[in-house]
PDB file of all heavy atoms in Angstrom:
ATOM      1  N   HIS A   1      -7.701 -16.557 -22.283  1.00  0.00           N
ATOM      2  CA  HIS A   1      -8.077 -17.120 -21.016  1.00  0.00           C
ATOM      3  C   HIS A   1      -7.332 -16.381 -19.930  1.00  0.00           C
ATOM      4  O   HIS A   1      -7.964 -16.155 -18.892  1.00  0.00           O
ATOM      5  CB  HIS A   1      -7.785 -18.682 -21.065  1.00  0.00           C
ATOM      6  CG  HIS A   1      -8.538 -19.386 -22.002  1.00  0.00           C
ATOM      7  ND1 HIS A   1      -9.935 -19.501 -22.105  1.00  0.00           N
ATOM      8  CD2 HIS A   1      -8.126 -20.181 -22.985  1.00  0.00           C
ATOM      9  CE1 HIS A   1     -10.369 -20.185 -23.003  1.00  0.00           C
ATOM     10  NE2 HIS A   1      -9.310 -20.746 -23.742  1.00  0.00           N
ATOM     11  N   ALA A   2      -5.994 -16.201 -20.015  1.00  0.00           N
ATOM     12  CA  ALA A   2      -5.252 -15.490 -19.019  1.00  0.00           C
ATOM     13  C   ALA A   2      -5.855 -14.098 -18.845  1.00  0.00           C
ATOM     14  O   ALA A   2      -5.860 -13.622 -17.745  1.00  0.00           O
ATOM     15  CB  ALA A   2      -3.761 -15.519 -19.357  1.00  0.00           C
ATOM     16  N   TRP A   3      -6.141 -13.508 -19.933  1.00  0.00           N
ATOM     17  CA  TRP A   3      -6.571 -12.094 -20.034  1.00  0.00           C
ATOM     18  C   TRP A   3      -7.835 -11.962 -19.026  1.00  0.00           C
ATOM     19  O   TRP A   3      -8.075 -11.169 -18.271  1.00  0.00           O
ATOM     20  CB  TRP A   3      -6.765 -11.463 -21.289  1.00  0.00           C
ATOM     21  CG  TRP A   3      -7.297 -10.052 -21.338  1.00  0.00           C
ATOM     22  CD1 TRP A   3      -8.530  -9.645 -21.540  1.00  0.00           C
ATOM     23  CD2 TRP A   3      -6.405  -8.901 -21.256  1.00  0.00           C
ATOM     24  NE1 TRP A   3      -8.500  -8.247 -21.574  1.00  0.00           N
ATOM     25  CE2 TRP A   3      -7.195  -7.818 -21.456  1.00  0.00           C
ATOM     26  CE3 TRP A   3      -5.041  -8.819 -21.117  1.00  0.00           C
ATOM     27  CZ2 TRP A   3      -6.813  -6.531 -21.338  1.00  0.00           C
ATOM     28  CZ3 TRP A   3      -4.605  -7.490 -21.130  1.00  0.00           C
ATOM     29  CH2 TRP A   3      -5.455  -6.289 -21.295  1.00  0.00           C
ATOM     30  N   ASP A   4      -8.769 -12.896 -19.394  1.00  0.00           N
ATOM     31  CA  ASP A   4     -10.036 -12.901 -18.556  1.00  0.00           C
ATOM     32  C   ASP A   4      -9.903 -13.180 -17.153  1.00  0.00           C
ATOM     33  O   ASP A   4     -10.555 -12.603 -16.256  1.00  0.00           O
ATOM     34  CB  ASP A   4     -11.153 -13.773 -19.324  1.00  0.00           C
ATOM     35  CG  ASP A   4     -11.624 -13.229 -20.646  1.00  0.00           C
ATOM     36  OD1 ASP A   4     -11.202 -12.245 -21.112  1.00  0.00           O
ATOM     37  OD2 ASP A   4     -12.528 -13.995 -21.159  1.00  0.00           O
ATOM     38  N   ALA A   5      -8.975 -13.969 -16.863  1.00  0.00           N
ATOM     39  CA  ALA A   5      -8.628 -14.300 -15.501  1.00  0.00           C
ATOM     40  C   ALA A   5      -8.137 -12.985 -14.776  1.00  0.00           C
ATOM     41  O   ALA A   5      -8.595 -12.751 -13.637  1.00  0.00           O
ATOM     42  CB  ALA A   5      -7.547 -15.394 -15.297  1.00  0.00           C
ATOM     43  N   GLY A   6      -7.381 -12.245 -15.449  1.00  0.00           N
ATOM     44  CA  GLY A   6      -6.983 -10.876 -14.940  1.00  0.00           C
ATOM     45  C   GLY A   6      -8.024  -9.931 -14.665  1.00  0.00           C
ATOM     46  O   GLY A   6      -8.148  -9.250 -13.791  1.00  0.00           O
ATOM     47  N   LEU A   7      -9.000  -9.919 -15.772  1.00  0.00           N
ATOM     48  CA  LEU A   7     -10.188  -9.022 -15.654  1.00  0.00           C
ATOM     49  C   LEU A   7     -11.012  -9.430 -14.433  1.00  0.00           C
ATOM     50  O   LEU A   7     -11.514  -8.573 -13.545  1.00  0.00           O
ATOM     51  CB  LEU A   7     -11.061  -8.999 -16.903  1.00  0.00           C
ATOM     52  CG  LEU A   7     -10.374  -8.611 -18.125  1.00  0.00           C
ATOM     53  CD1 LEU A   7     -11.328  -8.718 -19.280  1.00  0.00           C
ATOM     54  CD2 LEU A   7     -10.037  -7.079 -17.947  1.00  0.00           C
ATOM     55  N   LEU A   8     -11.156 -10.754 -14.121  1.00  0.00           N
ATOM     56  CA  LEU A   8     -11.961 -11.157 -12.963  1.00  0.00           C
ATOM     57  C   LEU A   8     -11.276 -10.698 -11.715  1.00  0.00           C
ATOM     58  O   LEU A   8     -12.003 -10.181 -10.773  1.00  0.00           O
ATOM     59  CB  LEU A   8     -12.139 -12.684 -12.997  1.00  0.00           C
ATOM     60  CG  LEU A   8     -13.158 -13.178 -14.193  1.00  0.00           C
ATOM     61  CD1 LEU A   8     -12.840 -14.799 -14.347  1.00  0.00           C
ATOM     62  CD2 LEU A   8     -14.587 -12.910 -13.729  1.00  0.00           C
ATOM     63  N   LEU A   9     -10.042 -10.861 -11.578  1.00  0.00           N
ATOM     64  CA  LEU A   9      -9.268 -10.410 -10.428  1.00  0.00           C
ATOM     65  C   LEU A   9      -9.319  -8.988 -10.177  1.00  0.00           C
ATOM     66  O   LEU A   9      -9.299  -8.484  -9.065  1.00  0.00           O
ATOM     67  CB  LEU A   9      -7.903 -11.039 -10.453  1.00  0.00           C
ATOM     68  CG  LEU A   9      -7.699 -12.408 -10.360  1.00  0.00           C
ATOM     69  CD1 LEU A   9      -6.349 -13.043 -10.534  1.00  0.00           C
ATOM     70  CD2 LEU A   9      -8.200 -12.921  -8.902  1.00  0.00           C
ATOM     71  N   GLU A  10      -9.320  -8.152 -11.332  1.00  0.00           N
ATOM     72  CA  GLU A  10      -9.334  -6.860 -11.226  1.00  0.00           C
ATOM     73  C   GLU A  10     -10.568  -6.320 -10.481  1.00  0.00           C
ATOM     74  O   GLU A  10     -10.642  -5.304  -9.806  1.00  0.00           O
ATOM     75  CB  GLU A  10      -9.240  -6.143 -12.627  1.00  0.00           C
ATOM     76  CG  GLU A  10      -7.989  -5.586 -13.037  1.00  0.00           C
ATOM     77  CD  GLU A  10      -8.088  -4.893 -14.344  1.00  0.00           C
ATOM     78  OE1 GLU A  10      -9.124  -4.616 -14.930  1.00  0.00           O
ATOM     79  OE2 GLU A  10      -6.998  -4.605 -14.950  1.00  0.00           O
ATOM     80  N   VAL A  11     -11.631  -6.951 -10.790  1.00  0.00           N
ATOM     81  CA  VAL A  11     -12.995  -6.638 -10.049  1.00  0.00           C
ATOM     82  C   VAL A  11     -12.988  -7.265  -8.579  1.00  0.00           C
ATOM     83  O   VAL A  11     -13.404  -6.516  -7.788  1.00  0.00           O
ATOM     84  CB  VAL A  11     -14.096  -7.303 -10.972  1.00  0.00           C
ATOM     85  CG1 VAL A  11     -15.459  -7.232 -10.274  1.00  0.00           C
ATOM     86  CG2 VAL A  11     -14.145  -6.671 -12.364  1.00  0.00           C
ATOM     87  N   ALA A  12     -12.504  -8.425  -8.429  1.00  0.00           N
ATOM     88  CA  ALA A  12     -12.631  -9.252  -7.157  1.00  0.00           C
ATOM     89  C   ALA A  12     -11.749  -8.663  -6.045  1.00  0.00           C
ATOM     90  O   ALA A  12     -12.139  -8.598  -4.911  1.00  0.00           O
ATOM     91  CB  ALA A  12     -12.623 -10.679  -7.369  1.00  0.00           C
ATOM     92  N   VAL A  13     -10.483  -8.451  -6.463  1.00  0.00           N
ATOM     93  CA  VAL A  13      -9.401  -8.194  -5.374  1.00  0.00           C
ATOM     94  C   VAL A  13      -9.792  -6.885  -4.663  1.00  0.00           C
ATOM     95  O   VAL A  13      -9.655  -6.932  -3.386  1.00  0.00           O
ATOM     96  CB  VAL A  13      -7.925  -8.097  -6.059  1.00  0.00           C
ATOM     97  CG1 VAL A  13      -6.941  -7.531  -5.028  1.00  0.00           C
ATOM     98  CG2 VAL A  13      -7.606  -9.603  -6.407  1.00  0.00           C
ATOM     99  N   PRO A  14     -10.122  -5.834  -5.332  1.00  0.00           N
ATOM    100  CA  PRO A  14     -10.406  -4.607  -4.590  1.00  0.00           C
ATOM    101  C   PRO A  14     -11.575  -4.764  -3.617  1.00  0.00           C
ATOM    102  O   PRO A  14     -11.459  -4.303  -2.387  1.00  0.00           O
ATOM    103  CB  PRO A  14     -10.895  -3.593  -5.494  1.00  0.00           C
ATOM    104  CG  PRO A  14     -10.156  -4.011  -6.845  1.00  0.00           C
ATOM    105  CD  PRO A  14     -10.224  -5.517  -6.755  1.00  0.00           C
ATOM    106  N   VAL A  15     -12.607  -5.622  -3.973  1.00  0.00           N
ATOM    107  CA  VAL A  15     -13.590  -5.982  -2.924  1.00  0.00           C
ATOM    108  C   VAL A  15     -13.067  -6.778  -1.749  1.00  0.00           C
ATOM    109  O   VAL A  15     -13.485  -6.436  -0.657  1.00  0.00           O
ATOM    110  CB  VAL A  15     -14.742  -6.830  -3.752  1.00  0.00           C
ATOM    111  CG1 VAL A  15     -15.731  -7.266  -2.851  1.00  0.00           C
ATOM    112  CG2 VAL A  15     -15.363  -5.932  -4.809  1.00  0.00           C
ATOM    113  N   ALA A  16     -12.239  -7.746  -2.053  1.00  0.00           N
ATOM    114  CA  ALA A  16     -11.770  -8.666  -1.044  1.00  0.00           C
ATOM    115  C   ALA A  16     -10.903  -7.768  -0.028  1.00  0.00           C
ATOM    116  O   ALA A  16     -10.800  -8.034   1.167  1.00  0.00           O
ATOM    117  CB  ALA A  16     -10.984  -9.878  -1.630  1.00  0.00           C
ATOM    118  N   LEU A  17     -10.156  -6.817  -0.574  1.00  0.00           N
ATOM    119  CA  LEU A  17      -9.192  -6.088   0.216  1.00  0.00           C
ATOM    120  C   LEU A  17      -9.915  -5.182   1.231  1.00  0.00           C
ATOM    121  O   LEU A  17      -9.230  -4.793   2.222  1.00  0.00           O
ATOM    122  CB  LEU A  17      -8.258  -5.188  -0.775  1.00  0.00           C
ATOM    123  CG  LEU A  17      -7.210  -5.884  -1.520  1.00  0.00           C
ATOM    124  CD1 LEU A  17      -6.483  -4.989  -2.422  1.00  0.00           C
ATOM    125  CD2 LEU A  17      -6.086  -6.470  -0.504  1.00  0.00           C
ATOM    126  N   LYS A  18     -11.119  -4.887   1.019  1.00  0.00           N
ATOM    127  CA  LYS A  18     -11.866  -4.114   1.884  1.00  0.00           C
ATOM    128  C   LYS A  18     -12.285  -4.936   3.046  1.00  0.00           C
ATOM    129  O   LYS A  18     -12.624  -4.368   4.152  1.00  0.00           O
ATOM    130  CB  LYS A  18     -13.185  -3.629   1.243  1.00  0.00           C
ATOM    131  CG  LYS A  18     -12.838  -2.404   0.238  1.00  0.00           C
ATOM    132  CD  LYS A  18     -14.112  -2.061  -0.549  1.00  0.00           C
ATOM    133  CE  LYS A  18     -13.835  -1.054  -1.593  1.00  0.00           C
ATOM    134  NZ  LYS A  18     -15.111  -0.644  -2.343  1.00  0.00           N
ATOM    135  N   LYS A  19     -12.201  -6.239   2.960  1.00  0.00           N
ATOM    136  CA  LYS A  19     -12.674  -7.151   4.148  1.00  0.00           C
ATOM    137  C   LYS A  19     -11.531  -7.893   4.836  1.00  0.00           C
ATOM    138  O   LYS A  19     -11.827  -8.213   5.948  1.00  0.00           O
ATOM    139  CB  LYS A  19     -13.613  -8.166   3.513  1.00  0.00           C
ATOM    140  CG  LYS A  19     -14.822  -7.481   2.900  1.00  0.00           C
ATOM    141  CD  LYS A  19     -15.799  -8.542   2.334  1.00  0.00           C
ATOM    142  CE  LYS A  19     -17.046  -7.713   1.761  1.00  0.00           C
ATOM    143  NZ  LYS A  19     -18.016  -8.493   1.333  1.00  0.00           N
ATOM    144  N   ALA A  20     -10.359  -8.019   4.203  1.00  0.00           N
ATOM    145  CA  ALA A  20      -9.315  -8.706   4.830  1.00  0.00           C
ATOM    146  C   ALA A  20      -7.908  -8.467   4.179  1.00  0.00           C
ATOM    147  O   ALA A  20      -7.855  -7.796   3.122  1.00  0.00           O
ATOM    148  CB  ALA A  20      -9.631 -10.275   4.756  1.00  0.00           C
ATOM    149  N   LYS A  21      -7.003  -8.933   4.932  1.00  0.00           N
ATOM    150  CA  LYS A  21      -5.624  -8.717   4.463  1.00  0.00           C
ATOM    151  C   LYS A  21      -5.231  -9.839   3.745  1.00  0.00           C
ATOM    152  O   LYS A  21      -5.346 -11.054   3.973  1.00  0.00           O
ATOM    153  CB  LYS A  21      -4.692  -8.663   5.686  1.00  0.00           C
ATOM    154  CG  LYS A  21      -3.263  -8.325   5.454  1.00  0.00           C
ATOM    155  CD  LYS A  21      -2.510  -8.114   6.705  1.00  0.00           C
ATOM    156  CE  LYS A  21      -0.968  -7.884   6.319  1.00  0.00           C
ATOM    157  NZ  LYS A  21      -0.170  -7.772   7.433  1.00  0.00           N
ATOM    158  N   PRO A  22      -4.395  -9.578   2.550  1.00  0.00           N
ATOM    159  CA  PRO A  22      -3.862 -10.753   1.766  1.00  0.00           C
ATOM    160  C   PRO A  22      -3.077 -11.647   2.570  1.00  0.00           C
ATOM    161  O   PRO A  22      -2.355 -11.285   3.485  1.00  0.00           O
ATOM    162  CB  PRO A  22      -3.073 -10.065   0.643  1.00  0.00           C
ATOM    163  CG  PRO A  22      -3.678  -8.708   0.556  1.00  0.00           C
ATOM    164  CD  PRO A  22      -4.054  -8.250   1.891  1.00  0.00           C
ATOM    165  N   GLY A  23      -3.111 -12.928   2.102  1.00  0.00           N
ATOM    166  CA  GLY A  23      -2.319 -14.031   2.914  1.00  0.00           C
ATOM    167  C   GLY A  23      -3.102 -14.697   4.050  1.00  0.00           C
ATOM    168  O   GLY A  23      -2.658 -15.643   4.502  1.00  0.00           O
ATOM    169  N   THR A  24      -4.347 -14.197   4.278  1.00  0.00           N
ATOM    170  CA  THR A  24      -5.162 -14.718   5.424  1.00  0.00           C
ATOM    171  C   THR A  24      -6.282 -15.624   4.918  1.00  0.00           C
ATOM    172  O   THR A  24      -6.706 -15.473   3.695  1.00  0.00           O
ATOM    173  CB  THR A  24      -5.692 -13.636   6.272  1.00  0.00           C
ATOM    174  OG1 THR A  24      -6.673 -12.744   5.447  1.00  0.00           O
ATOM    175  CG2 THR A  24      -4.520 -12.768   6.815  1.00  0.00           C
ATOM    176  N   LYS A  25      -6.692 -16.521   5.678  1.00  0.00           N
ATOM    177  CA  LYS A  25      -7.873 -17.174   5.454  1.00  0.00           C
ATOM    178  C   LYS A  25      -9.067 -16.341   5.056  1.00  0.00           C
ATOM    179  O   LYS A  25      -9.923 -16.574   4.084  1.00  0.00           O
ATOM    180  CB  LYS A  25      -8.306 -18.181   6.549  1.00  0.00           C
ATOM    181  CG  LYS A  25      -9.387 -19.007   6.210  1.00  0.00           C
ATOM    182  CD  LYS A  25      -9.757 -19.981   7.419  1.00  0.00           C
ATOM    183  CE  LYS A  25     -10.934 -20.704   7.035  1.00  0.00           C
ATOM    184  NZ  LYS A  25     -11.730 -21.184   8.135  1.00  0.00           N
ATOM    185  N   GLU A  26      -9.177 -15.249   5.797  1.00  0.00           N
ATOM    186  CA  GLU A  26     -10.373 -14.325   5.654  1.00  0.00           C
ATOM    187  C   GLU A  26     -10.215 -13.602   4.225  1.00  0.00           C
ATOM    188  O   GLU A  26     -11.256 -13.448   3.512  1.00  0.00           O
ATOM    189  CB  GLU A  26     -10.310 -13.245   6.659  1.00  0.00           C
ATOM    190  CG  GLU A  26     -10.673 -13.775   8.111  1.00  0.00           C
ATOM    191  CD  GLU A  26      -9.577 -14.453   8.821  1.00  0.00           C
ATOM    192  OE1 GLU A  26      -8.369 -14.281   8.349  1.00  0.00           O
ATOM    193  OE2 GLU A  26      -9.740 -15.266   9.784  1.00  0.00           O
ATOM    194  N   PHE A  27      -9.125 -13.333   3.861  1.00  0.00           N
ATOM    195  CA  PHE A  27      -8.921 -12.733   2.442  1.00  0.00           C
ATOM    196  C   PHE A  27      -9.312 -13.810   1.381  1.00  0.00           C
ATOM    197  O   PHE A  27     -10.097 -13.421   0.450  1.00  0.00           O
ATOM    198  CB  PHE A  27      -7.480 -12.312   2.189  1.00  0.00           C
ATOM    199  CG  PHE A  27      -7.287 -11.611   0.825  1.00  0.00           C
ATOM    200  CD1 PHE A  27      -7.639 -10.401   0.592  1.00  0.00           C
ATOM    201  CD2 PHE A  27      -6.744 -12.375  -0.222  1.00  0.00           C
ATOM    202  CE1 PHE A  27      -7.531  -9.731  -0.578  1.00  0.00           C
ATOM    203  CE2 PHE A  27      -6.534 -11.859  -1.386  1.00  0.00           C
ATOM    204  CZ  PHE A  27      -7.008 -10.526  -1.668  1.00  0.00           C
ATOM    205  N   ARG A  28      -8.786 -15.068   1.516  1.00  0.00           N
ATOM    206  CA  ARG A  28      -9.187 -16.035   0.543  1.00  0.00           C
ATOM    207  C   ARG A  28     -10.706 -16.173   0.436  1.00  0.00           C
ATOM    208  O   ARG A  28     -11.334 -16.335  -0.719  1.00  0.00           O
ATOM    209  CB  ARG A  28      -8.448 -17.413   0.863  1.00  0.00           C
ATOM    210  CG  ARG A  28      -6.981 -17.423   0.514  1.00  0.00           C
ATOM    211  CD  ARG A  28      -6.375 -18.638   0.640  1.00  0.00           C
ATOM    212  NE  ARG A  28      -6.283 -19.181   1.985  1.00  0.00           N
ATOM    213  CZ  ARG A  28      -5.460 -18.890   2.993  1.00  0.00           C
ATOM    214  NH1 ARG A  28      -4.566 -17.946   2.666  1.00  0.00           N
ATOM    215  NH2 ARG A  28      -5.707 -19.500   4.213  1.00  0.00           N
ATOM    216  N   GLU A  29     -11.313 -16.166   1.596  1.00  0.00           N
ATOM    217  CA  GLU A  29     -12.749 -16.349   1.615  1.00  0.00           C
ATOM    218  C   GLU A  29     -13.504 -15.133   1.039  1.00  0.00           C
ATOM    219  O   GLU A  29     -14.521 -15.236   0.252  1.00  0.00           O
ATOM    220  CB  GLU A  29     -13.357 -16.579   3.120  1.00  0.00           C
ATOM    221  CG  GLU A  29     -12.902 -17.827   3.642  1.00  0.00           C
ATOM    222  CD  GLU A  29     -13.114 -18.043   5.135  1.00  0.00           C
ATOM    223  OE1 GLU A  29     -13.499 -17.089   5.846  1.00  0.00           O
ATOM    224  OE2 GLU A  29     -13.006 -19.148   5.585  1.00  0.00           O
ATOM    225  N   ALA A  30     -13.086 -13.991   1.322  1.00  0.00           N
ATOM    226  CA  ALA A  30     -13.473 -12.702   0.794  1.00  0.00           C
ATOM    227  C   ALA A  30     -13.316 -12.625  -0.692  1.00  0.00           C
ATOM    228  O   ALA A  30     -14.239 -12.203  -1.543  1.00  0.00           O
ATOM    229  CB  ALA A  30     -12.762 -11.454   1.459  1.00  0.00           C
ATOM    230  N   LEU A  31     -12.169 -13.147  -1.287  1.00  0.00           N
ATOM    231  CA  LEU A  31     -11.948 -13.165  -2.739  1.00  0.00           C
ATOM    232  C   LEU A  31     -12.882 -14.183  -3.266  1.00  0.00           C
ATOM    233  O   LEU A  31     -13.399 -13.802  -4.437  1.00  0.00           O
ATOM    234  CB  LEU A  31     -10.355 -13.616  -2.904  1.00  0.00           C
ATOM    235  CG  LEU A  31      -9.948 -13.632  -4.288  1.00  0.00           C
ATOM    236  CD1 LEU A  31     -10.151 -12.299  -5.040  1.00  0.00           C
ATOM    237  CD2 LEU A  31      -8.581 -14.086  -4.430  1.00  0.00           C
ATOM    238  N   ARG A  32     -13.085 -15.302  -2.805  1.00  0.00           N
ATOM    239  CA  ARG A  32     -13.937 -16.245  -3.313  1.00  0.00           C
ATOM    240  C   ARG A  32     -15.321 -15.659  -3.479  1.00  0.00           C
ATOM    241  O   ARG A  32     -16.101 -15.814  -4.481  1.00  0.00           O
ATOM    242  CB  ARG A  32     -14.102 -17.507  -2.548  1.00  0.00           C
ATOM    243  CG  ARG A  32     -14.921 -18.580  -3.169  1.00  0.00           C
ATOM    244  CD  ARG A  32     -14.997 -19.847  -2.338  1.00  0.00           C
ATOM    245  NE  ARG A  32     -15.904 -20.839  -2.851  1.00  0.00           N
ATOM    246  CZ  ARG A  32     -15.669 -22.039  -3.070  1.00  0.00           C
ATOM    247  NH1 ARG A  32     -14.513 -22.576  -2.681  1.00  0.00           N
ATOM    248  NH2 ARG A  32     -16.583 -22.793  -3.618  1.00  0.00           N
ATOM    249  N   ALA A  33     -15.793 -15.148  -2.387  1.00  0.00           N
ATOM    250  CA  ALA A  33     -17.098 -14.468  -2.360  1.00  0.00           C
ATOM    251  C   ALA A  33     -17.210 -13.233  -3.374  1.00  0.00           C
ATOM    252  O   ALA A  33     -18.276 -13.137  -4.069  1.00  0.00           O
ATOM    253  CB  ALA A  33     -17.428 -13.933  -0.962  1.00  0.00           C
ATOM    254  N   ALA A  34     -16.234 -12.540  -3.477  1.00  0.00           N
ATOM    255  CA  ALA A  34     -16.247 -11.460  -4.523  1.00  0.00           C
ATOM    256  C   ALA A  34     -16.299 -11.919  -5.908  1.00  0.00           C
ATOM    257  O   ALA A  34     -16.972 -11.540  -6.843  1.00  0.00           O
ATOM    258  CB  ALA A  34     -14.954 -10.632  -4.366  1.00  0.00           C
ATOM    259  N   LEU A  35     -15.486 -13.084  -6.139  1.00  0.00           N
ATOM    260  CA  LEU A  35     -15.506 -13.753  -7.493  1.00  0.00           C
ATOM    261  C   LEU A  35     -16.971 -14.215  -7.783  1.00  0.00           C
ATOM    262  O   LEU A  35     -17.468 -14.129  -8.941  1.00  0.00           O
ATOM    263  CB  LEU A  35     -14.481 -14.758  -7.686  1.00  0.00           C
ATOM    264  CG  LEU A  35     -13.010 -14.298  -7.725  1.00  0.00           C
ATOM    265  CD1 LEU A  35     -12.092 -15.466  -7.500  1.00  0.00           C
ATOM    266  CD2 LEU A  35     -12.874 -13.663  -9.113  1.00  0.00           C
ATOM    267  N   GLU A  36     -17.591 -14.929  -6.789  1.00  0.00           N
ATOM    268  CA  GLU A  36     -18.718 -15.480  -7.125  1.00  0.00           C
ATOM    269  C   GLU A  36     -19.926 -14.477  -7.053  1.00  0.00           C
ATOM    270  O   GLU A  36     -21.213 -14.840  -7.373  1.00  0.00           O
ATOM    271  CB  GLU A  36     -19.169 -16.392  -5.805  1.00  0.00           C
ATOM    272  CG  GLU A  36     -18.248 -17.532  -5.733  1.00  0.00           C
ATOM    273  CD  GLU A  36     -18.422 -18.525  -4.614  1.00  0.00           C
ATOM    274  OE1 GLU A  36     -18.923 -18.091  -3.640  1.00  0.00           O
ATOM    275  OE2 GLU A  36     -17.950 -19.748  -4.672  1.00  0.00           O
ATOM    276  N   SER A  37     -19.666 -13.226  -6.977  1.00  0.00           N
ATOM    277  CA  SER A  37     -20.731 -12.109  -7.105  1.00  0.00           C
ATOM    278  C   SER A  37     -20.528 -11.389  -8.347  1.00  0.00           C
ATOM    279  O   SER A  37     -21.272 -10.446  -8.529  1.00  0.00           O
ATOM    280  CB  SER A  37     -20.718 -11.307  -5.809  1.00  0.00           C
ATOM    281  OG  SER A  37     -19.547 -10.504  -5.882  1.00  0.00           O
ATOM    282  N   ILE A  38     -19.642 -11.716  -9.226  1.00  0.00           N
ATOM    283  CA  ILE A  38     -19.401 -10.963 -10.347  1.00  0.00           C
ATOM    284  C   ILE A  38     -20.518 -11.094 -11.386  1.00  0.00           C
ATOM    285  O   ILE A  38     -20.859 -12.347 -11.735  1.00  0.00           O
ATOM    286  CB  ILE A  38     -18.027 -11.237 -11.009  1.00  0.00           C
ATOM    287  CG1 ILE A  38     -16.888 -10.751 -10.157  1.00  0.00           C
ATOM    288  CG2 ILE A  38     -17.990 -10.745 -12.454  1.00  0.00           C
ATOM    289  CD1 ILE A  38     -15.473 -11.063 -10.623  1.00  0.00           C
ATOM    290  N   GLN A  39     -21.082 -10.289 -11.816  1.00  0.00           N
ATOM    291  CA  GLN A  39     -22.298 -10.324 -12.812  1.00  0.00           C
ATOM    292  C   GLN A  39     -22.012  -9.330 -13.986  1.00  0.00           C
ATOM    293  O   GLN A  39     -21.642  -8.084 -13.768  1.00  0.00           O
ATOM    294  CB  GLN A  39     -23.556  -9.916 -12.081  1.00  0.00           C
ATOM    295  CG  GLN A  39     -24.003 -10.937 -11.028  1.00  0.00           C
ATOM    296  CD  GLN A  39     -24.272 -12.311 -11.468  1.00  0.00           C
ATOM    297  OE1 GLN A  39     -25.173 -12.355 -12.383  1.00  0.00           O
ATOM    298  NE2 GLN A  39     -23.500 -13.282 -11.019  1.00  0.00           N
ATOM    299  N   GLY A  40     -22.328  -9.785 -15.157  1.00  0.00           N
ATOM    300  CA  GLY A  40     -22.186  -9.073 -16.326  1.00  0.00           C
ATOM    301  C   GLY A  40     -20.917  -8.501 -16.822  1.00  0.00           C
ATOM    302  O   GLY A  40     -20.756  -7.416 -17.459  1.00  0.00           O
ATOM    303  N   LEU A  41     -19.763  -9.166 -16.322  1.00  0.00           N
ATOM    304  CA  LEU A  41     -18.437  -8.718 -16.758  1.00  0.00           C
ATOM    305  C   LEU A  41     -18.261  -9.118 -18.186  1.00  0.00           C
ATOM    306  O   LEU A  41     -17.932 -10.172 -18.532  1.00  0.00           O
ATOM    307  CB  LEU A  41     -17.347  -9.236 -15.847  1.00  0.00           C
ATOM    308  CG  LEU A  41     -15.922  -8.938 -16.162  1.00  0.00           C
ATOM    309  CD1 LEU A  41     -15.579  -7.501 -16.114  1.00  0.00           C
ATOM    310  CD2 LEU A  41     -14.920  -9.683 -15.373  1.00  0.00           C
TER     311      LEU A  41
END
């Protein structure tokens, strides 16, 4: 379970970093959007 959470973050964090700076509301929103768009992992 922990490993898979890491795999999901490996995909989503780089996408979110292109849109906002960590620690901001915009980053959290971008991270959520990136997670919600993961397909076929």
